[in-house]
C-alpha atoms as a PDB file:
ATOM      1  CA  MET A   1     -12.439 -28.270   3.476  1.00  0.00           C
ATOM      2  CA  THR A   2     -10.201 -29.280   0.603  1.00  0.00           C
ATOM      3  CA  PRO A   3      -7.007 -27.192   0.162  1.00  0.00           C
ATOM      4  CA  GLY A   4      -8.607 -25.360  -2.757  1.00  0.00           C
ATOM      5  CA  GLU A   5     -11.752 -24.551  -0.766  1.00  0.00           C
ATOM      6  CA  TYR A   6      -9.638 -23.385   2.175  1.00  0.00           C
ATOM      7  CA  ILE A   7      -7.661 -20.929   0.037  1.00  0.00           C
ATOM      8  CA  ARG A   8     -10.728 -19.687  -1.859  1.00  0.00           C
ATOM      9  CA  HIS A   9     -12.517 -19.070   1.426  1.00  0.00           C
ATOM     10  CA  HIS A  10      -9.611 -17.047   2.811  1.00  0.00           C
ATOM     11  CA  LEU A  11      -9.436 -14.909  -0.358  1.00  0.00           C
ATOM     12  CA  VAL A  12     -13.005 -13.591  -0.008  1.00  0.00           C
ATOM     13  CA  HIS A  13     -13.526 -10.211   1.647  1.00  0.00           C
ATOM     14  CA  LEU A  14     -16.189  -9.279   4.158  1.00  0.00           C
ATOM     15  CA  ASN A  15     -18.124  -6.753   2.084  1.00  0.00           C
ATOM     16  CA  ASN A  16     -21.371  -4.819   2.181  1.00  0.00           C
ATOM     17  CA  THR A  17     -23.166  -7.180  -0.232  1.00  0.00           C
ATOM     18  CA  GLY A  18     -22.681 -10.428   1.677  1.00  0.00           C
ATOM     19  CA  HIS A  19     -21.510 -12.350  -1.395  1.00  0.00           C
ATOM     20  CA  LYS A  20     -18.385 -12.680  -3.502  1.00  0.00           C
ATOM     21  CA  GLN A  21     -17.390  -9.884  -5.861  1.00  0.00           C
ATOM     22  CA  GLU A  22     -17.957 -11.134  -9.408  1.00  0.00           C
ATOM     23  CA  SER A  23     -15.923  -8.606 -11.421  1.00  0.00           C
ATOM     24  CA  ILE A  24     -12.560  -6.911 -10.999  1.00  0.00           C
ATOM     25  CA  VAL A  25     -14.102  -3.430 -10.939  1.00  0.00           C
ATOM     26  CA  ASP A  26     -17.351  -3.044  -8.988  1.00  0.00           C
ATOM     27  CA  PHE A  27     -17.831   0.240  -7.148  1.00  0.00           C
ATOM     28  CA  SER A  28     -21.007  -1.035  -5.487  1.00  0.00           C
ATOM     29  CA  VAL A  29     -18.909  -3.439  -3.380  1.00  0.00           C
ATOM     30  CA  ILE A  30     -17.131  -2.073  -0.299  1.00  0.00           C
ATOM     31  CA  ASN A  31     -14.668  -4.404   1.398  1.00  0.00           C
ATOM     32  CA  LEU A  32     -15.558  -3.655   4.986  1.00  0.00           C
ATOM     33  CA  ASP A  33     -12.675  -5.653   6.454  1.00  0.00           C
ATOM     34  CA  SER A  34     -10.061  -3.635   4.525  1.00  0.00           C
ATOM     35  CA  VAL A  35     -11.729  -0.329   5.398  1.00  0.00           C
ATOM     36  CA  VAL A  36     -12.137  -1.014   9.128  1.00  0.00           C
ATOM     37  CA  ILE A  37      -8.681  -2.553   9.660  1.00  0.00           C
ATOM     38  CA  SER A  38      -6.859   0.139   7.646  1.00  0.00           C
ATOM     39  CA  VAL A  39      -8.684   2.932   9.508  1.00  0.00           C
ATOM     40  CA  LEU A  40      -7.908   1.376  12.893  1.00  0.00           C
ATOM     41  CA  LEU A  41      -4.242   0.925  11.963  1.00  0.00           C
ATOM     42  CA  GLY A  42      -4.095   4.481  10.595  1.00  0.00           C
ATOM     43  CA  ALA A  43      -5.456   5.834  13.869  1.00  0.00           C
ATOM     44  CA  PHE A  44      -2.950   3.688  15.777  1.00  0.00           C
ATOM     45  CA  VAL A  45      -0.068   5.017  13.658  1.00  0.00           C
ATOM     46  CA  CYS A  46      -1.130   8.639  14.205  1.00  0.00           C
ATOM     47  CA  PHE A  47      -1.405   7.959  17.934  1.00  0.00           C
ATOM     48  CA  LEU A  48       2.116   6.480  18.056  1.00  0.00           C
ATOM     49  CA  LEU A  49       3.641   9.408  16.163  1.00  0.00           C
ATOM     50  CA  TRP A  50       1.696  11.874  18.314  1.00  0.00           C
ATOM     51  CA  ARG A  51       2.972  10.213  21.489  1.00  0.00           C
ATOM     52  CA  ALA A  52       6.540  10.335  20.178  1.00  0.00           C
ATOM     53  CA  ALA A  53       6.232  14.035  19.307  1.00  0.00           C
ATOM     54  CA  ARG A  54       4.671  14.844  22.667  1.00  0.00           C
ATOM     55  CA  ALA A  55       7.384  12.985  24.593  1.00  0.00           C
ATOM     56  CA  ALA A  56      10.256  14.470  22.568  1.00  0.00           C
ATOM     57  CA  SER A  57      12.835  16.321  24.663  1.00  0.00           C
ATOM     58  CA  ALA A  58      16.334  17.739  24.293  1.00  0.00           C
ATOM     59  CA  GLY A  59      17.730  15.176  26.706  1.00  0.00           C
ATOM     60  CA  VAL A  60      18.821  11.616  26.111  1.00  0.00           C
ATOM     61  CA  PRO A  61      15.963   9.923  24.225  1.00  0.00           C
ATOM     62  CA  GLY A  62      14.477   6.606  25.199  1.00  0.00           C
ATOM     63  CA  ARG A  63      14.364   3.665  22.806  1.00  0.00           C
ATOM     64  CA  PHE A  64      10.962   4.506  21.372  1.00  0.00           C
ATOM     65  CA  GLN A  65      11.777   8.177  20.896  1.00  0.00           C
ATOM     66  CA  ALA A  66      15.151   7.325  19.359  1.00  0.00           C
ATOM     67  CA  ALA A  67      13.530   4.904  16.914  1.00  0.00           C
ATOM     68  CA  VAL A  68      10.963   7.480  15.837  1.00  0.00           C
ATOM     69  CA  GLU A  69      13.642  10.178  15.503  1.00  0.00           C
ATOM     70  CA  ILE A  70      15.729   7.893  13.265  1.00  0.00           C
ATOM     71  CA  LEU A  71      12.658   7.186  11.157  1.00  0.00           C
ATOM     72  CA  VAL A  72      11.724  10.869  10.899  1.00  0.00           C
ATOM     73  CA  GLU A  73      15.279  11.825   9.946  1.00  0.00           C
ATOM     74  CA  MET A  74      15.411   9.104   7.289  1.00  0.00           C
ATOM     75  CA  VAL A  75      12.135  10.195   5.682  1.00  0.00           C
ATOM     76  CA  ASP A  76      13.047  13.867   5.909  1.00  0.00           C
ATOM     77  CA  ASN A  77      16.389  13.258   4.174  1.00  0.00           C
ATOM     78  CA  GLN A  78      14.638  11.356   1.389  1.00  0.00           C
ATOM     79  CA  ALA A  79      12.096  14.162   0.997  1.00  0.00           C
ATOM     80  CA  LYS A  80      14.840  16.809   0.845  1.00  0.00           C
ATOM     81  CA  SER A  81      16.674  14.876  -1.868  1.00  0.00           C
ATOM     82  CA  VAL A  82      13.559  14.774  -4.072  1.00  0.00           C
ATOM     83  CA  ILE A  83      11.408  17.785  -3.118  1.00  0.00           C
ATOM     84  CA  HIS A  84      13.440  20.984  -3.341  1.00  0.00           C
ATOM     85  CA  ASN A  85      10.544  23.290  -2.489  1.00  0.00           C
ATOM     86  CA  ALA A  86      10.718  23.895   1.272  1.00  0.00           C
ATOM     87  CA  ASN A  87       7.071  24.969   1.529  1.00  0.00           C
ATOM     88  CA  SER A  88       5.868  21.789  -0.195  1.00  0.00           C
ATOM     89  CA  ARG A  89       8.014  19.638   2.094  1.00  0.00           C
ATOM     90  CA  LYS A  90       6.084  20.899   5.107  1.00  0.00           C
ATOM     91  CA  LEU A  91       3.166  18.756   3.893  1.00  0.00           C
ATOM     92  CA  ILE A  92       4.879  16.084   1.814  1.00  0.00           C
ATOM     93  CA  ALA A  93       7.494  14.966   4.371  1.00  0.00           C
ATOM     94  CA  PRO A  94       4.958  14.243   7.168  1.00  0.00           C
ATOM     95  CA  LEU A  95       2.714  12.646   4.556  1.00  0.00           C
ATOM     96  CA  ALA A  96       5.556  10.337   3.456  1.00  0.00           C
ATOM     97  CA  LEU A  97       6.308   9.430   7.078  1.00  0.00           C
ATOM     98  CA  THR A  98       2.666   8.580   7.742  1.00  0.00           C
ATOM     99  CA  VAL A  99       2.390   6.559   4.526  1.00  0.00           C
ATOM    100  CA  PHE A 100       5.521   4.548   5.337  1.00  0.00           C
ATOM    101  CA  VAL A 101       4.480   3.647   8.888  1.00  0.00           C
ATOM    102  CA  TRP A 102       0.837   3.067   7.902  1.00  0.00           C
ATOM    103  CA  ILE A 103       1.694   0.712   5.041  1.00  0.00           C
ATOM    104  CA  PHE A 104       4.202  -1.122   7.245  1.00  0.00           C
ATOM    105  CA  MET A 105       1.502  -1.728   9.860  1.00  0.00           C
ATOM    106  CA  MET A 106      -0.999  -2.911   7.243  1.00  0.00           C
ATOM    107  CA  ASN A 107       1.654  -5.213   5.795  1.00  0.00           C
ATOM    108  CA  PHE A 108       2.521  -6.433   9.294  1.00  0.00           C
ATOM    109  CA  MET A 109      -0.971  -7.915   9.635  1.00  0.00           C
ATOM    110  CA  ASP A 110       0.316 -10.650   7.328  1.00  0.00           C
ATOM    111  CA  MET A 111       2.608 -11.776  10.153  1.00  0.00           C
ATOM    112  CA  LEU A 112      -0.359 -12.893  12.286  1.00  0.00           C
ATOM    113  CA  PRO A 113      -1.301 -16.570  12.105  1.00  0.00           C
ATOM    114  CA  VAL A 114      -3.491 -17.116   9.042  1.00  0.00           C
ATOM    115  CA  ASP A 115      -6.513 -18.396  10.986  1.00  0.00           C
ATOM    116  CA  ALA A 116      -6.158 -16.253  14.123  1.00  0.00           C
ATOM    117  CA  LEU A 117      -8.539 -13.358  13.461  1.00  0.00           C
ATOM    118  CA  PRO A 118     -10.624 -15.189  10.822  1.00  0.00           C
ATOM    119  CA  GLY A 119     -11.097 -17.991  13.369  1.00  0.00           C
ATOM    120  CA  LEU A 120     -12.477 -15.541  15.928  1.00  0.00           C
ATOM    121  CA  TRP A 121     -14.656 -13.946  13.251  1.00  0.00           C
ATOM    122  CA  HIS A 122     -15.970 -17.412  12.309  1.00  0.00           C
ATOM    123  CA  LYS A 123     -17.620 -17.509  15.724  1.00  0.00           C
ATOM    124  CA  ALA A 124     -18.581 -13.844  16.083  1.00  0.00           C
ATOM    125  CA  GLY A 125     -19.446 -12.767  12.519  1.00  0.00           C
ATOM    126  CA  PRO A 126     -22.438 -15.011  11.743  1.00  0.00           C
ATOM    127  CA  ALA A 127     -23.779 -14.432  15.266  1.00  0.00           C
ATOM    128  CA  LEU A 128     -23.768 -10.686  14.534  1.00  0.00           C
ATOM    129  CA  GLY A 129     -25.433 -11.174  11.170  1.00  0.00           C
ATOM    130  CA  PHE A 130     -22.296 -10.827   8.999  1.00  0.00           C
ATOM    131  CA  ALA A 131     -20.914 -13.224   6.420  1.00  0.00           C
ATOM    132  CA  ASP A 132     -18.261 -15.696   7.513  1.00  0.00           C
ATOM    133  CA  TYR A 133     -15.423 -14.020   5.589  1.00  0.00           C
ATOM    134  CA  LEU A 134     -12.547 -11.883   6.823  1.00  0.00           C
ATOM    135  CA  ARG A 135      -9.235 -10.796   5.306  1.00  0.00           C
ATOM    136  CA  VAL A 136      -6.923  -8.949   7.671  1.00  0.00           C
ATOM    137  CA  VAL A 137      -4.199  -7.628   5.311  1.00  0.00           C
ATOM    138  CA  PRO A 138      -5.563  -4.404   3.750  1.00  0.00           C
ATOM    139  CA  THR A 139      -2.619  -4.086   1.351  1.00  0.00           C
ATOM    140  CA  ALA A 140      -3.478  -7.508  -0.126  1.00  0.00           C
ATOM    141  CA  ASP A 141      -6.681  -5.831  -1.337  1.00  0.00           C
ATOM    142  CA  LEU A 142      -6.334  -4.089  -4.711  1.00  0.00           C
ATOM    143  CA  SER A 143      -8.921  -1.503  -3.657  1.00  0.00           C
ATOM    144  CA  THR A 144      -6.651  -0.308  -0.841  1.00  0.00           C
ATOM    145  CA  THR A 145      -3.416  -0.062  -2.816  1.00  0.00           C
ATOM    146  CA  LEU A 146      -4.993   1.546  -5.888  1.00  0.00           C
ATOM    147  CA  GLY A 147      -6.890   3.925  -3.620  1.00  0.00           C
ATOM    148  CA  MET A 148      -3.588   5.075  -2.129  1.00  0.00           C
ATOM    149  CA  SER A 149      -1.906   5.376  -5.530  1.00  0.00           C
ATOM    150  CA  VAL A 150      -4.852   7.409  -6.870  1.00  0.00           C
ATOM    151  CA  SER A 151      -4.469   9.691  -3.835  1.00  0.00           C
ATOM    152  CA  VAL A 152      -0.825  10.229  -4.819  1.00  0.00           C
ATOM    153  CA  LEU A 153      -1.969  10.986  -8.384  1.00  0.00           C
ATOM    154  CA  LEU A 154      -4.411  13.623  -7.124  1.00  0.00           C
ATOM    155  CA  LEU A 155      -1.633  15.233  -5.089  1.00  0.00           C
ATOM    156  CA  CYS A 156       0.592  15.236  -8.191  1.00  0.00           C
ATOM    157  CA  LEU A 157      -2.130  17.017 -10.171  1.00  0.00           C
ATOM    158  CA  PHE A 158      -2.549  19.522  -7.344  1.00  0.00           C
ATOM    159  CA  TYR A 159       1.171  20.357  -7.202  1.00  0.00           C
ATOM    160  CA  ASN A 160       1.433  20.501 -10.983  1.00  0.00           C
ATOM    161  CA  ILE A 161      -1.162  23.276 -10.990  1.00  0.00           C
ATOM    162  CA  LYS A 162       0.119  24.953  -7.820  1.00  0.00           C
ATOM    163  CA  ILE A 163       3.788  25.101  -8.863  1.00  0.00           C
ATOM    164  CA  LYS A 164       3.446  25.665 -12.628  1.00  0.00           C
ATOM    165  CA  GLY A 165       0.079  27.367 -12.768  1.00  0.00           C
ATOM    166  CA  LEU A 166      -2.876  26.070 -14.755  1.00  0.00           C
ATOM    167  CA  GLY A 167      -1.585  27.644 -17.954  1.00  0.00           C
ATOM    168  CA  GLY A 168       1.968  26.411 -17.471  1.00  0.00           C
ATOM    169  CA  TRP A 169       0.865  22.863 -16.749  1.00  0.00           C
ATOM    170  CA  THR A 170      -1.533  22.852 -19.698  1.00  0.00           C
ATOM    171  CA  HIS A 171       1.308  24.054 -21.928  1.00  0.00           C
ATOM    172  CA  GLU A 172       3.512  21.258 -20.580  1.00  0.00           C
ATOM    173  CA  LEU A 173       0.843  18.639 -21.316  1.00  0.00           C
ATOM    174  CA  VAL A 174       0.883  19.463 -25.042  1.00  0.00           C
ATOM    175  CA  THR A 175       4.592  20.234 -25.479  1.00  0.00           C
ATOM    176  CA  ALA A 176       6.372  17.509 -23.459  1.00  0.00           C
ATOM    177  CA  PRO A 177       8.117  15.175 -24.031  1.00  0.00           C
ATOM    178  CA  PHE A 178       8.532  15.697 -27.801  1.00  0.00           C
ATOM    179  CA  GLY A 179       8.384  19.506 -27.914  1.00  0.00           C
ATOM    180  CA  THR A 180       6.383  21.541 -30.424  1.00  0.00           C
ATOM    181  CA  SER A 181       6.791  23.131 -33.831  1.00  0.00           C
ATOM    182  CA  LYS A 182       6.227  26.499 -35.482  1.00  0.00           C
ATOM    183  CA  ASN A 183       4.239  24.741 -38.186  1.00  0.00           C
ATOM    184  CA  PRO A 184       0.551  24.780 -37.081  1.00  0.00           C
ATOM    185  CA  ILE A 185      -0.238  21.290 -38.417  1.00  0.00           C
ATOM    186  CA  ALA A 186       2.934  19.781 -36.953  1.00  0.00           C
ATOM    187  CA  ALA A 187       2.283  21.610 -33.667  1.00  0.00           C
ATOM    188  CA  LEU A 188      -1.256  20.151 -33.545  1.00  0.00           C
ATOM    189  CA  LEU A 189      -0.035  16.615 -34.244  1.00  0.00           C
ATOM    190  CA  LEU A 190       2.767  16.909 -31.676  1.00  0.00           C
ATOM    191  CA  GLY A 191       0.278  18.320 -29.173  1.00  0.00           C
ATOM    192  CA  VAL A 192      -2.008  15.299 -29.563  1.00  0.00           C
ATOM    193  CA  VAL A 193       0.912  12.879 -29.264  1.00  0.00           C
ATOM    194  CA  ASN A 194       2.380  14.715 -26.259  1.00  0.00           C
ATOM    195  CA  PHE A 195      -0.966  14.856 -24.475  1.00  0.00           C
ATOM    196  CA  SER A 196      -1.564  11.152 -25.121  1.00  0.00           C
ATOM    197  CA  MET A 197       1.871  10.267 -23.795  1.00  0.00           C
ATOM    198  CA  GLN A 198       1.291  12.361 -20.669  1.00  0.00           C
ATOM    199  CA  MET A 199      -2.040  10.609 -19.983  1.00  0.00           C
ATOM    200  CA  ILE A 200      -0.458   7.192 -20.518  1.00  0.00           C
ATOM    201  CA  GLU A 201       2.339   8.156 -18.112  1.00  0.00           C
ATOM    202  CA  PHE A 202      -0.091   9.254 -15.395  1.00  0.00           C
ATOM    203  CA  VAL A 203      -2.187   6.084 -15.741  1.00  0.00           C
ATOM    204  CA  ALA A 204       0.832   3.749 -15.929  1.00  0.00           C
ATOM    205  CA  LYS A 205       2.506   5.282 -12.869  1.00  0.00           C
ATOM    206  CA  THR A 206      -0.691   5.128 -10.830  1.00  0.00           C
ATOM    207  CA  VAL A 207      -1.576   1.543 -11.751  1.00  0.00           C
ATOM    208  CA  SER A 208       1.968   0.202 -11.321  1.00  0.00           C
ATOM    209  CA  HIS A 209       2.316   2.097  -8.016  1.00  0.00           C
ATOM    210  CA  GLY A 210      -0.676   0.312  -6.513  1.00  0.00           C
ATOM    211  CA  MET A 211      -0.222  -3.038  -8.283  1.00  0.00           C
ATOM    212  CA  ARG A 212       3.369  -3.458  -7.083  1.00  0.00           C
ATOM    213  CA  LEU A 213       2.376  -3.301  -3.408  1.00  0.00           C
ATOM    214  CA  PHE A 214      -0.747  -5.417  -3.940  1.00  0.00           C
ATOM    215  CA  GLY A 215       1.082  -8.117  -5.908  1.00  0.00           C
ATOM    216  CA  ASN A 216       3.804  -8.593  -3.312  1.00  0.00           C
ATOM    217  CA  MET A 217       1.428  -8.702  -0.357  1.00  0.00           C
ATOM    218  CA  PHE A 218      -1.087 -10.935  -2.123  1.00  0.00           C
ATOM    219  CA  ALA A 219       1.677 -13.397  -2.990  1.00  0.00           C
ATOM    220  CA  GLY A 220       2.979 -13.315   0.585  1.00  0.00           C
ATOM    221  CA  GLU A 221      -0.516 -14.018   1.898  1.00  0.00           C
ATOM    222  CA  LEU A 222      -0.846 -17.031  -0.424  1.00  0.00           C
ATOM    223  CA  VAL A 223       2.484 -18.447   0.774  1.00  0.00           C
ATOM    224  CA  PHE A 224       1.345 -18.213   4.396  1.00  0.00           C
ATOM    225  CA  MET A 225      -1.875 -20.044   3.446  1.00  0.00           C
ATOM    226  CA  LEU A 226       0.107 -22.832   1.789  1.00  0.00           C
ATOM    227  CA  ILE A 227       2.301 -23.129   4.884  1.00  0.00           C
ATOM    228  CA  ALA A 228      -0.851 -23.297   7.032  1.00  0.00           C
ATOM    229  CA  LEU A 229      -2.141 -26.101   4.798  1.00  0.00           C
ATOM    230  CA  LEU A 230       1.110 -27.975   5.397  1.00  0.00           C
ATOM    231  CA  GLY A 231       0.467 -27.815   9.136  1.00  0.00           C
ATOM    232  CA  GLY A 232      -3.154 -28.838   8.656  1.00  0.00           C
ATOM    233  CA  PHE A 233      -2.102 -31.807   6.547  1.00  0.00           C
ATOM    234  CA  ALA A 234       0.278 -32.832   9.325  1.00  0.00           C
ATOM    235  CA  ALA A 235      -2.656 -33.230  11.697  1.00  0.00           C
ATOM    236  CA  PHE A 236      -4.362 -35.817   9.444  1.00  0.00           C
ATOM    237  CA  SER A 237      -1.405 -37.747   8.036  1.00  0.00           C
ATOM    238  CA  LEU A 238       0.357 -40.826   9.387  1.00  0.00           C
ATOM    239  CA  SER A 239       3.714 -39.096   9.100  1.00  0.00           C
ATOM    240  CA  GLY A 240       2.384 -35.993  10.833  1.00  0.00           C
ATOM    241  CA  GLY A 241       5.548 -35.383  12.825  1.00  0.00           C
ATOM    242  CA  LEU A 242       7.613 -34.904   9.684  1.00  0.00           C
ATOM    243  CA  PHE A 243       5.091 -32.524   8.131  1.00  0.00           C
ATOM    244  CA  PHE A 244       4.789 -30.622  11.399  1.00  0.00           C
ATOM    245  CA  VAL A 245       8.553 -30.039  11.502  1.00  0.00           C
ATOM    246  CA  GLY A 246       8.423 -28.870   7.878  1.00  0.00           C
ATOM    247  CA  HIS A 247       5.511 -26.601   8.750  1.00  0.00           C
ATOM    248  CA  VAL A 248       7.430 -24.963  11.628  1.00  0.00           C
ATOM    249  CA  ILE A 249      10.634 -24.543   9.601  1.00  0.00           C
ATOM    250  CA  ALA A 250       8.854 -23.172   6.525  1.00  0.00           C
ATOM    251  CA  GLY A 251       6.731 -20.809   8.609  1.00  0.00           C
ATOM    252  CA  THR A 252       9.713 -19.495  10.557  1.00  0.00           C
ATOM    253  CA  VAL A 253      11.903 -18.970   7.506  1.00  0.00           C
ATOM    254  CA  TRP A 254       9.166 -17.268   5.499  1.00  0.00           C
ATOM    255  CA  THR A 255       8.160 -15.069   8.447  1.00  0.00           C
ATOM    256  CA  ILE A 256      11.732 -13.837   8.943  1.00  0.00           C
ATOM    257  CA  PHE A 257      12.102 -13.187   5.218  1.00  0.00           C
ATOM    258  CA  HIS A 258       8.691 -11.520   5.116  1.00  0.00           C
ATOM    259  CA  ILE A 259       9.798  -8.918   7.666  1.00  0.00           C
ATOM    260  CA  LEU A 260      12.192  -7.639   5.013  1.00  0.00           C
ATOM    261  CA  ILE A 261       9.479  -7.740   2.348  1.00  0.00           C
ATOM    262  CA  ILE A 262       6.885  -5.762   4.295  1.00  0.00           C
ATOM    263  CA  THR A 263       9.451  -3.109   5.241  1.00  0.00           C
ATOM    264  CA  LEU A 264      10.839  -2.879   1.724  1.00  0.00           C
ATOM    265  CA  GLN A 265       7.402  -2.596   0.138  1.00  0.00           C
ATOM    266  CA  ALA A 266       6.419   0.224   2.510  1.00  0.00           C
ATOM    267  CA  PHE A 267       9.686   2.028   1.707  1.00  0.00           C
ATOM    268  CA  ILE A 268       9.267   1.556  -2.064  1.00  0.00           C
ATOM    269  CA  PHE A 269       5.708   2.891  -2.016  1.00  0.00           C
ATOM    270  CA  MET A 270       6.825   5.917   0.008  1.00  0.00           C
ATOM    271  CA  MET A 271       9.808   6.605  -2.270  1.00  0.00           C
ATOM    272  CA  LEU A 272       7.735   6.329  -5.445  1.00  0.00           C
ATOM    273  CA  ALA A 273       5.214   8.742  -3.944  1.00  0.00           C
ATOM    274  CA  LEU A 274       8.044  11.196  -3.203  1.00  0.00           C
ATOM    275  CA  ILE A 275       9.508  10.772  -6.705  1.00  0.00           C
ATOM    276  CA  TYR A 276       6.165  11.330  -8.425  1.00  0.00           C
ATOM    277  CA  LEU A 277       5.482  14.401  -6.291  1.00  0.00           C
ATOM    278  CA  GLY A 278       9.003  15.645  -7.031  1.00  0.00           C
ATOM    279  CA  GLN A 279       8.346  15.240 -10.763  1.00  0.00           C
ATOM    280  CA  ALA A 280       5.216  17.339 -10.353  1.00  0.00           C
ATOM    281  CA  HIS A 281       7.468  20.185  -9.132  1.00  0.00           C
ATOM    282  CA  ASP A 282       9.878  19.938 -12.073  1.00  0.00           C
ATOM    283  CA  ALA A 283       9.243  21.579 -15.410  1.00  0.00           C
ATOM    284  CA  HIS A 284      10.138  19.828 -18.654  1.00  0.00           C
END
C-alpha cells in the first residue's frame, strides 16, 4: 500500500452494505464496527460501575472503590452545580457518570496500536464473509457522536415539557429571547423571530456537541496513523534505525498527550450535556 491507500483503508467502516459510504448522510448504512464496539464497551462500563456499587462498604475502600467514589463525587458535584432540581438529578447525575466513563472508554480505543485489531480482522473478517474493514474508535465516527448529542437534545425537550409544561414551553419558544409586544403585528413578527432563533439554538448546540468530540477523536486517529506510517517507512528505508527511533519517540509523546485529550473530551461532552439539561430547567 501507498501511504494514501493505507490511510484511506483505515478510514472505512465495516458496515451492513459491504462498500464505502458515498454521502455524508445515508441512513441505509449502519457502521457495524461502531455499533458493536460501543455496545460492548457500554456493557463493560455498566459492569464496572455495578461491581463498584456492590462492593461499596463503610470501611476503608480499596483502590478501585476509592477511584470510583472520587469519580462519582466529582460528577455529582458538577450535576448539583447545574441541575438544581433534586428529582431530576436522580436520573441526570447517573446518566452523566455513565456518559463520562463510556465516552472515555470509547476514546481509549484510540490508544491501541493502529493495526492491532484491524490486523486480526484482516484474517478473520473475510473468512467469515465480512468486508476487510474495521475501525475501533466509535467516537471517531460521526454517527456515534451525533447520535449521543441527539439523545441529549431529546432529553432537553423532555425536561422542557416536564418542568415548564407544554403550554409554558410553547410560550417560551415564541417569546424568548427578544420578548413580545402588545401590538398584534409586532407580537407575530417577534414570535416568528423568537421561534426561529430557538430552533437555530437547538440545532447549533446539538451539531456542535457531537462535532466537537468527533473532530478531536478523528484528528487523533489520523495522527496515530501517520506515526504508524513513520514506523512502516522505517522498515523499508536504508536509514531505518533513525526513523524507528523517531517512530517510538513520536508515538510515546503523542500517546501520553492523548491520555489528556481523551479524558478532557469525555469531560467536556458530559459537562455540555449537564449544561444543556440545566438550561432546559431554567425559564427565560
